[in-house]
Amino acid sequence: MAVNIMIVEDDEGLSRGVALSLARPEYRFFECATLAQARQAFAQHAISLVLLDVGLPDGSGLTLCRELRAASDVPILFLTANDAEYDEVAGFAAGGDDYITKPFRLTALRARVENALRRAHGGGAALYRFGDVSLDFGRLQFSQGGRPLALSPS
């Protein structure tokens, strides 16, 4: 099952770097530099998680967050340089699930993304990864190198 992650970030290098650092066979990324592109991508694809900057060329990510939250319970993680306490509070008030300030550590971002996806898709389902092997007992889906594995019940 594909996991569609929308990155709404006007810094193309940062957006590409985040996508590369989070890359997994089951992840598809939709990189958007503007609110308009994000609205279009969200309408056209089943987005599983949103990484959202606040300062965008055509408006505020807070506005988009409120719009998405009104229509969906998709996890929304802010990735922004706005690090004042009132900015963080505004992000949560708009409906964000997490607020991460730049610069950030990629390993921590990876953990937050995986945690948000796990909570959004059943929370307690047992998911194990060993190298390129993925065992999802909650969904009874197993793969190696992104290809499905057929396993016997025992």
N, C-alpha and C. Protein backbone atom coordinates (compact mmCIF):
# COMPACT_ATOMS: atom_id res chain seq x y z
N MET A 1 0.84 -1.18 0.00
CA MET A 1 0.00 0.00 0.00
C MET A 1 0.88 1.24 0.00
N ALA A 2 0.63 2.14 -0.92
CA ALA A 2 1.42 3.36 -1.03
C ALA A 2 1.05 4.33 0.08
N VAL A 3 2.06 4.99 0.60
CA VAL A 3 1.89 6.06 1.58
C VAL A 3 2.24 7.34 0.85
N ASN A 4 1.25 8.22 0.67
CA ASN A 4 1.44 9.46 -0.06
C ASN A 4 1.73 10.60 0.90
N ILE A 5 2.93 11.15 0.79
CA ILE A 5 3.36 12.24 1.66
C ILE A 5 3.48 13.51 0.83
N MET A 6 2.76 14.54 1.26
CA MET A 6 2.81 15.82 0.58
C MET A 6 3.73 16.75 1.37
N ILE A 7 4.75 17.27 0.69
CA ILE A 7 5.68 18.23 1.28
C ILE A 7 5.35 19.59 0.69
N VAL A 8 4.94 20.52 1.54
CA VAL A 8 4.60 21.87 1.10
C VAL A 8 5.70 22.79 1.61
N GLU A 9 6.65 23.08 0.73
CA GLU A 9 7.86 23.81 1.09
C GLU A 9 8.37 24.55 -0.14
N ASP A 10 8.58 25.87 -0.03
CA ASP A 10 9.02 26.64 -1.18
C ASP A 10 10.52 26.56 -1.43
N ASP A 11 11.29 26.04 -0.49
CA ASP A 11 12.72 25.83 -0.69
C ASP A 11 12.89 24.46 -1.35
N GLU A 12 13.15 24.47 -2.66
CA GLU A 12 13.20 23.23 -3.43
C GLU A 12 14.27 22.27 -2.91
N GLY A 13 15.43 22.80 -2.52
CA GLY A 13 16.50 21.96 -2.00
C GLY A 13 16.12 21.26 -0.71
N LEU A 14 15.47 21.99 0.18
CA LEU A 14 15.01 21.41 1.45
C LEU A 14 13.93 20.36 1.20
N SER A 15 12.99 20.68 0.33
CA SER A 15 11.92 19.74 0.01
C SER A 15 12.48 18.44 -0.55
N ARG A 16 13.41 18.54 -1.49
CA ARG A 16 14.02 17.36 -2.09
C ARG A 16 14.83 16.59 -1.06
N GLY A 17 15.56 17.30 -0.20
CA GLY A 17 16.35 16.65 0.83
C GLY A 17 15.50 15.89 1.82
N VAL A 18 14.36 16.47 2.22
CA VAL A 18 13.45 15.79 3.14
C VAL A 18 12.89 14.53 2.47
N ALA A 19 12.48 14.65 1.22
CA ALA A 19 11.95 13.48 0.50
C ALA A 19 13.00 12.38 0.40
N LEU A 20 14.23 12.75 0.08
CA LEU A 20 15.30 11.75 -0.03
C LEU A 20 15.60 11.09 1.30
N SER A 21 15.57 11.87 2.38
CA SER A 21 15.90 11.30 3.69
C SER A 21 14.79 10.41 4.24
N LEU A 22 13.55 10.65 3.82
CA LEU A 22 12.43 9.84 4.28
C LEU A 22 12.12 8.67 3.34
N ALA A 23 12.78 8.61 2.21
CA ALA A 23 12.44 7.66 1.15
C ALA A 23 12.39 6.21 1.63
N ARG A 24 11.32 5.55 1.23
CA ARG A 24 11.09 4.12 1.43
C ARG A 24 10.35 3.63 0.20
N PRO A 25 10.44 2.34 -0.07
CA PRO A 25 9.75 1.84 -1.28
C PRO A 25 8.25 2.15 -1.28
N GLU A 26 7.61 2.15 -0.13
CA GLU A 26 6.16 2.34 -0.09
C GLU A 26 5.75 3.82 -0.02
N TYR A 27 6.71 4.74 0.07
CA TYR A 27 6.40 6.17 0.16
C TYR A 27 6.44 6.81 -1.21
N ARG A 28 5.42 7.61 -1.50
CA ARG A 28 5.40 8.48 -2.69
C ARG A 28 5.32 9.90 -2.19
N PHE A 29 6.09 10.78 -2.81
CA PHE A 29 6.15 12.17 -2.37
C PHE A 29 5.55 13.09 -3.42
N PHE A 30 4.80 14.07 -2.93
CA PHE A 30 4.25 15.12 -3.77
C PHE A 30 4.81 16.43 -3.22
N GLU A 31 5.73 17.02 -3.96
CA GLU A 31 6.40 18.24 -3.50
C GLU A 31 5.68 19.44 -4.10
N CYS A 32 5.25 20.34 -3.23
CA CYS A 32 4.50 21.51 -3.63
C CYS A 32 5.20 22.76 -3.07
N ALA A 33 5.38 23.77 -3.92
CA ALA A 33 6.06 24.99 -3.49
C ALA A 33 5.08 26.10 -3.12
N THR A 34 3.80 25.90 -3.41
CA THR A 34 2.79 26.93 -3.13
C THR A 34 1.53 26.30 -2.55
N LEU A 35 0.69 27.15 -1.98
CA LEU A 35 -0.61 26.69 -1.48
C LEU A 35 -1.46 26.16 -2.63
N ALA A 36 -1.41 26.83 -3.76
CA ALA A 36 -2.21 26.41 -4.91
C ALA A 36 -1.82 25.00 -5.37
N GLN A 37 -0.52 24.73 -5.45
CA GLN A 37 -0.06 23.39 -5.83
C GLN A 37 -0.49 22.36 -4.79
N ALA A 38 -0.42 22.72 -3.52
CA ALA A 38 -0.80 21.80 -2.44
C ALA A 38 -2.29 21.48 -2.50
N ARG A 39 -3.10 22.48 -2.72
CA ARG A 39 -4.55 22.24 -2.81
C ARG A 39 -4.87 21.29 -3.96
N GLN A 40 -4.19 21.49 -5.09
CA GLN A 40 -4.42 20.64 -6.25
C GLN A 40 -3.96 19.20 -5.96
N ALA A 41 -2.77 19.04 -5.38
CA ALA A 41 -2.26 17.70 -5.08
C ALA A 41 -3.15 17.00 -4.07
N PHE A 42 -3.63 17.72 -3.07
CA PHE A 42 -4.48 17.11 -2.05
C PHE A 42 -5.81 16.65 -2.66
N ALA A 43 -6.33 17.42 -3.60
CA ALA A 43 -7.60 17.07 -4.25
C ALA A 43 -7.44 15.87 -5.18
N GLN A 44 -6.25 15.69 -5.75
CA GLN A 44 -6.04 14.64 -6.75
C GLN A 44 -5.50 13.33 -6.20
N HIS A 45 -4.95 13.34 -5.01
CA HIS A 45 -4.30 12.15 -4.46
C HIS A 45 -4.78 11.86 -3.05
N ALA A 46 -4.73 10.61 -2.67
CA ALA A 46 -5.09 10.22 -1.30
C ALA A 46 -3.85 10.45 -0.43
N ILE A 47 -3.75 11.64 0.13
CA ILE A 47 -2.57 12.02 0.91
C ILE A 47 -2.65 11.39 2.30
N SER A 48 -1.55 10.77 2.72
CA SER A 48 -1.47 10.08 4.01
C SER A 48 -0.90 10.96 5.11
N LEU A 49 -0.08 11.96 4.73
CA LEU A 49 0.58 12.82 5.71
C LEU A 49 1.04 14.09 4.99
N VAL A 50 0.98 15.22 5.72
CA VAL A 50 1.40 16.50 5.15
C VAL A 50 2.53 17.07 6.00
N LEU A 51 3.62 17.46 5.34
CA LEU A 51 4.70 18.23 5.96
C LEU A 51 4.53 19.64 5.41
N LEU A 52 4.31 20.62 6.29
CA LEU A 52 3.82 21.93 5.86
C LEU A 52 4.65 23.07 6.44
N ASP A 53 5.16 23.92 5.55
CA ASP A 53 5.83 25.15 5.96
C ASP A 53 4.77 26.21 6.23
N VAL A 54 5.08 27.16 7.07
CA VAL A 54 4.13 28.24 7.35
C VAL A 54 4.26 29.35 6.31
N GLY A 55 5.49 29.79 6.04
CA GLY A 55 5.70 30.89 5.11
C GLY A 55 5.84 30.40 3.68
N LEU A 56 4.82 30.66 2.88
CA LEU A 56 4.82 30.25 1.48
C LEU A 56 4.58 31.46 0.59
N PRO A 57 5.00 31.41 -0.67
CA PRO A 57 4.91 32.58 -1.55
C PRO A 57 3.50 33.12 -1.74
N ASP A 58 2.50 32.25 -1.70
CA ASP A 58 1.13 32.71 -1.96
C ASP A 58 0.25 32.69 -0.72
N GLY A 59 0.83 32.65 0.46
CA GLY A 59 0.01 32.72 1.68
C GLY A 59 0.62 31.93 2.82
N SER A 60 -0.20 31.72 3.84
CA SER A 60 0.26 31.06 5.06
C SER A 60 -0.14 29.59 5.09
N GLY A 61 0.80 28.76 5.52
CA GLY A 61 0.50 27.36 5.71
C GLY A 61 -0.55 27.13 6.78
N LEU A 62 -0.70 28.09 7.69
CA LEU A 62 -1.74 27.99 8.72
C LEU A 62 -3.13 27.95 8.08
N THR A 63 -3.30 28.74 7.03
CA THR A 63 -4.58 28.76 6.30
C THR A 63 -4.85 27.40 5.67
N LEU A 64 -3.83 26.85 5.02
CA LEU A 64 -4.00 25.53 4.40
C LEU A 64 -4.28 24.47 5.46
N CYS A 65 -3.60 24.55 6.58
CA CYS A 65 -3.83 23.59 7.67
C CYS A 65 -5.29 23.60 8.10
N ARG A 66 -5.84 24.79 8.30
CA ARG A 66 -7.26 24.90 8.70
C ARG A 66 -8.18 24.29 7.63
N GLU A 67 -7.87 24.54 6.36
CA GLU A 67 -8.68 23.99 5.27
C GLU A 67 -8.63 22.47 5.26
N LEU A 68 -7.42 21.93 5.36
CA LEU A 68 -7.26 20.48 5.35
C LEU A 68 -7.92 19.84 6.56
N ARG A 69 -7.77 20.47 7.71
CA ARG A 69 -8.35 19.93 8.94
C ARG A 69 -9.87 19.92 8.87
N ALA A 70 -10.46 20.90 8.22
CA ALA A 70 -11.92 20.94 8.08
C ALA A 70 -12.43 19.81 7.19
N ALA A 71 -11.58 19.34 6.28
CA ALA A 71 -12.00 18.32 5.32
C ALA A 71 -11.45 16.93 5.62
N SER A 72 -10.45 16.83 6.50
CA SER A 72 -9.75 15.56 6.65
C SER A 72 -9.07 15.47 8.01
N ASP A 73 -8.77 14.24 8.42
CA ASP A 73 -8.00 14.06 9.66
C ASP A 73 -6.57 13.62 9.34
N VAL A 74 -6.10 13.92 8.12
CA VAL A 74 -4.74 13.60 7.71
C VAL A 74 -3.74 14.21 8.71
N PRO A 75 -2.71 13.47 9.10
CA PRO A 75 -1.70 14.05 9.99
C PRO A 75 -0.98 15.22 9.30
N ILE A 76 -0.84 16.33 10.02
CA ILE A 76 -0.17 17.52 9.50
C ILE A 76 0.96 17.88 10.45
N LEU A 77 2.19 17.87 9.92
CA LEU A 77 3.37 18.23 10.70
C LEU A 77 3.93 19.50 10.11
N PHE A 78 4.00 20.55 10.92
CA PHE A 78 4.61 21.79 10.46
C PHE A 78 6.13 21.65 10.47
N LEU A 79 6.78 22.12 9.41
CA LEU A 79 8.24 22.24 9.31
C LEU A 79 8.50 23.69 8.97
N THR A 80 8.94 24.47 9.95
CA THR A 80 9.01 25.91 9.72
C THR A 80 10.16 26.56 10.47
N ALA A 81 10.56 27.71 9.98
CA ALA A 81 11.60 28.50 10.66
C ALA A 81 10.99 29.37 11.76
N ASN A 82 9.67 29.49 11.78
CA ASN A 82 8.99 30.31 12.79
C ASN A 82 9.05 29.59 14.13
N ASP A 83 9.95 30.07 15.01
CA ASP A 83 10.20 29.33 16.24
C ASP A 83 9.72 30.01 17.51
N ALA A 84 8.97 31.09 17.38
CA ALA A 84 8.42 31.75 18.58
C ALA A 84 7.30 30.90 19.15
N GLU A 85 7.12 31.00 20.46
CA GLU A 85 6.09 30.20 21.13
C GLU A 85 4.71 30.46 20.55
N TYR A 86 4.39 31.72 20.24
CA TYR A 86 3.06 32.01 19.70
C TYR A 86 2.88 31.42 18.32
N ASP A 87 3.97 31.28 17.53
CA ASP A 87 3.88 30.62 16.22
C ASP A 87 3.53 29.13 16.39
N GLU A 88 4.19 28.50 17.36
CA GLU A 88 3.93 27.09 17.62
C GLU A 88 2.49 26.89 18.09
N VAL A 89 2.03 27.74 18.98
CA VAL A 89 0.65 27.66 19.47
C VAL A 89 -0.32 27.86 18.31
N ALA A 90 -0.02 28.81 17.42
CA ALA A 90 -0.88 29.06 16.26
C ALA A 90 -0.95 27.82 15.36
N GLY A 91 0.17 27.11 15.23
CA GLY A 91 0.19 25.89 14.42
C GLY A 91 -0.72 24.82 14.99
N PHE A 92 -0.66 24.65 16.31
CA PHE A 92 -1.54 23.66 16.95
C PHE A 92 -3.00 24.12 16.90
N ALA A 93 -3.22 25.41 17.08
CA ALA A 93 -4.60 25.94 17.04
C ALA A 93 -5.21 25.78 15.65
N ALA A 94 -4.38 25.83 14.62
CA ALA A 94 -4.87 25.66 13.25
C ALA A 94 -5.19 24.20 12.94
N GLY A 95 -4.74 23.28 13.80
CA GLY A 95 -5.04 21.87 13.60
C GLY A 95 -3.84 21.00 13.34
N GLY A 96 -2.64 21.56 13.46
CA GLY A 96 -1.43 20.77 13.24
C GLY A 96 -1.25 19.71 14.32
N ASP A 97 -0.66 18.59 13.95
CA ASP A 97 -0.40 17.50 14.89
C ASP A 97 0.97 17.59 15.53
N ASP A 98 1.89 18.27 14.86
CA ASP A 98 3.24 18.44 15.40
C ASP A 98 3.81 19.72 14.81
N TYR A 99 4.81 20.27 15.48
CA TYR A 99 5.41 21.54 15.05
C TYR A 99 6.91 21.40 15.21
N ILE A 100 7.61 21.35 14.10
CA ILE A 100 9.05 21.11 14.08
C ILE A 100 9.72 22.35 13.50
N THR A 101 10.68 22.90 14.24
CA THR A 101 11.34 24.12 13.77
C THR A 101 12.65 23.79 13.06
N LYS A 102 12.95 24.60 12.05
CA LYS A 102 14.18 24.49 11.29
C LYS A 102 15.27 25.24 12.06
N PRO A 103 16.47 24.75 12.07
CA PRO A 103 16.90 23.47 11.52
C PRO A 103 16.44 22.33 12.41
N PHE A 104 16.32 21.16 11.82
CA PHE A 104 15.87 19.98 12.56
C PHE A 104 16.77 18.81 12.21
N ARG A 105 16.74 17.80 13.04
CA ARG A 105 17.52 16.58 12.78
C ARG A 105 16.67 15.62 11.96
N LEU A 106 17.26 15.09 10.90
CA LEU A 106 16.52 14.21 10.01
C LEU A 106 16.07 12.93 10.69
N THR A 107 16.87 12.40 11.61
CA THR A 107 16.46 11.18 12.30
C THR A 107 15.23 11.44 13.17
N ALA A 108 15.18 12.60 13.81
CA ALA A 108 14.01 12.94 14.62
C ALA A 108 12.78 13.16 13.73
N LEU A 109 12.97 13.79 12.57
CA LEU A 109 11.86 13.98 11.64
C LEU A 109 11.33 12.63 11.17
N ARG A 110 12.24 11.72 10.82
CA ARG A 110 11.83 10.38 10.40
C ARG A 110 10.98 9.70 11.47
N ALA A 111 11.43 9.79 12.71
CA ALA A 111 10.68 9.16 13.82
C ALA A 111 9.32 9.80 13.99
N ARG A 112 9.24 11.11 13.86
CA ARG A 112 7.94 11.81 14.01
C ARG A 112 6.99 11.45 12.87
N VAL A 113 7.52 11.34 11.67
CA VAL A 113 6.69 10.95 10.52
C VAL A 113 6.15 9.53 10.71
N GLU A 114 7.02 8.60 11.07
CA GLU A 114 6.59 7.22 11.29
C GLU A 114 5.57 7.12 12.42
N ASN A 115 5.77 7.89 13.48
CA ASN A 115 4.85 7.89 14.60
C ASN A 115 3.48 8.44 14.17
N ALA A 116 3.47 9.53 13.42
CA ALA A 116 2.20 10.11 12.96
C ALA A 116 1.47 9.15 12.03
N LEU A 117 2.20 8.48 11.15
CA LEU A 117 1.57 7.51 10.24
C LEU A 117 1.03 6.31 11.01
N ARG A 118 1.78 5.85 11.99
CA ARG A 118 1.32 4.71 12.80
C ARG A 118 0.03 5.06 13.55
N ARG A 119 0.00 6.25 14.15
CA ARG A 119 -1.21 6.67 14.88
C ARG A 119 -2.40 6.83 13.93
N ALA A 120 -2.14 7.34 12.74
CA ALA A 120 -3.22 7.58 11.78
C ALA A 120 -3.77 6.29 11.19
N HIS A 121 -2.96 5.25 11.18
CA HIS A 121 -3.37 4.00 10.54
C HIS A 121 -3.47 2.85 11.53
N GLY A 122 -4.12 3.09 12.64
CA GLY A 122 -4.42 2.00 13.54
C GLY A 122 -3.65 1.98 14.83
N GLY A 123 -2.70 2.83 14.99
CA GLY A 123 -2.00 2.99 16.26
C GLY A 123 -1.22 1.80 16.73
N GLY A 124 -1.88 0.78 17.20
CA GLY A 124 -1.17 -0.29 17.87
C GLY A 124 -0.80 -1.48 17.00
N ALA A 125 -1.04 -1.41 15.71
CA ALA A 125 -0.72 -2.55 14.85
C ALA A 125 0.77 -2.82 14.88
N ALA A 126 1.11 -4.09 14.92
CA ALA A 126 2.52 -4.49 14.99
C ALA A 126 3.16 -4.38 13.62
N LEU A 127 4.16 -3.53 13.51
CA LEU A 127 4.88 -3.32 12.27
C LEU A 127 6.36 -3.49 12.57
N TYR A 128 7.01 -4.40 11.86
CA TYR A 128 8.42 -4.66 12.07
C TYR A 128 9.16 -4.49 10.76
N ARG A 129 10.35 -3.91 10.84
CA ARG A 129 11.19 -3.74 9.66
C ARG A 129 12.57 -4.30 9.97
N PHE A 130 13.07 -5.10 9.05
CA PHE A 130 14.41 -5.67 9.14
C PHE A 130 15.05 -5.45 7.78
N GLY A 131 15.90 -4.44 7.66
CA GLY A 131 16.48 -4.12 6.36
C GLY A 131 15.38 -3.77 5.38
N ASP A 132 15.30 -4.53 4.28
CA ASP A 132 14.26 -4.25 3.28
C ASP A 132 13.01 -5.11 3.45
N VAL A 133 12.93 -5.85 4.56
CA VAL A 133 11.76 -6.69 4.84
C VAL A 133 10.83 -5.93 5.78
N SER A 134 9.55 -5.88 5.43
CA SER A 134 8.53 -5.21 6.24
C SER A 134 7.44 -6.22 6.58
N LEU A 135 7.14 -6.35 7.87
CA LEU A 135 6.10 -7.26 8.35
C LEU A 135 5.05 -6.44 9.09
N ASP A 136 3.88 -6.30 8.48
CA ASP A 136 2.78 -5.54 9.07
C ASP A 136 1.70 -6.54 9.48
N PHE A 137 1.73 -6.94 10.76
CA PHE A 137 0.78 -7.95 11.25
C PHE A 137 -0.62 -7.37 11.42
N GLY A 138 -0.72 -6.08 11.62
CA GLY A 138 -2.03 -5.45 11.76
C GLY A 138 -2.84 -5.52 10.48
N ARG A 139 -2.19 -5.38 9.35
CA ARG A 139 -2.86 -5.42 8.06
C ARG A 139 -2.63 -6.73 7.33
N LEU A 140 -1.79 -7.59 7.91
CA LEU A 140 -1.40 -8.84 7.28
C LEU A 140 -0.81 -8.59 5.90
N GLN A 141 0.09 -7.59 5.83
CA GLN A 141 0.81 -7.27 4.60
C GLN A 141 2.29 -7.41 4.87
N PHE A 142 2.97 -8.14 3.99
CA PHE A 142 4.38 -8.41 4.17
C PHE A 142 5.08 -8.12 2.85
N SER A 143 6.28 -7.54 2.93
CA SER A 143 6.99 -7.22 1.70
C SER A 143 8.49 -7.31 1.90
N GLN A 144 9.18 -7.46 0.78
CA GLN A 144 10.63 -7.42 0.77
C GLN A 144 11.03 -6.59 -0.43
N GLY A 145 11.80 -5.54 -0.16
CA GLY A 145 12.21 -4.64 -1.25
C GLY A 145 11.04 -3.97 -1.91
N GLY A 146 9.95 -3.76 -1.19
CA GLY A 146 8.76 -3.11 -1.73
C GLY A 146 7.84 -4.04 -2.50
N ARG A 147 8.21 -5.32 -2.63
CA ARG A 147 7.38 -6.30 -3.33
C ARG A 147 6.65 -7.17 -2.32
N PRO A 148 5.36 -7.43 -2.56
CA PRO A 148 4.59 -8.23 -1.61
C PRO A 148 5.18 -9.65 -1.46
N LEU A 149 5.11 -10.14 -0.23
CA LEU A 149 5.52 -11.52 0.09
C LEU A 149 4.27 -12.30 0.46
N ALA A 150 4.16 -13.51 -0.05
CA ALA A 150 3.06 -14.39 0.34
C ALA A 150 3.61 -15.33 1.41
N LEU A 151 3.04 -15.26 2.60
CA LEU A 151 3.48 -16.09 3.72
C LEU A 151 2.37 -17.06 4.13
N SER A 152 2.76 -18.22 4.61
CA SER A 152 1.75 -19.17 5.09
C SER A 152 1.22 -18.69 6.43
N PRO A 153 0.01 -19.10 6.82
CA PRO A 153 -0.55 -18.67 8.10
C PRO A 153 0.31 -19.04 9.30
N SER A 154 1.07 -20.12 9.21
CA SER A 154 1.88 -20.53 10.36
C SER A 154 3.23 -19.85 10.31
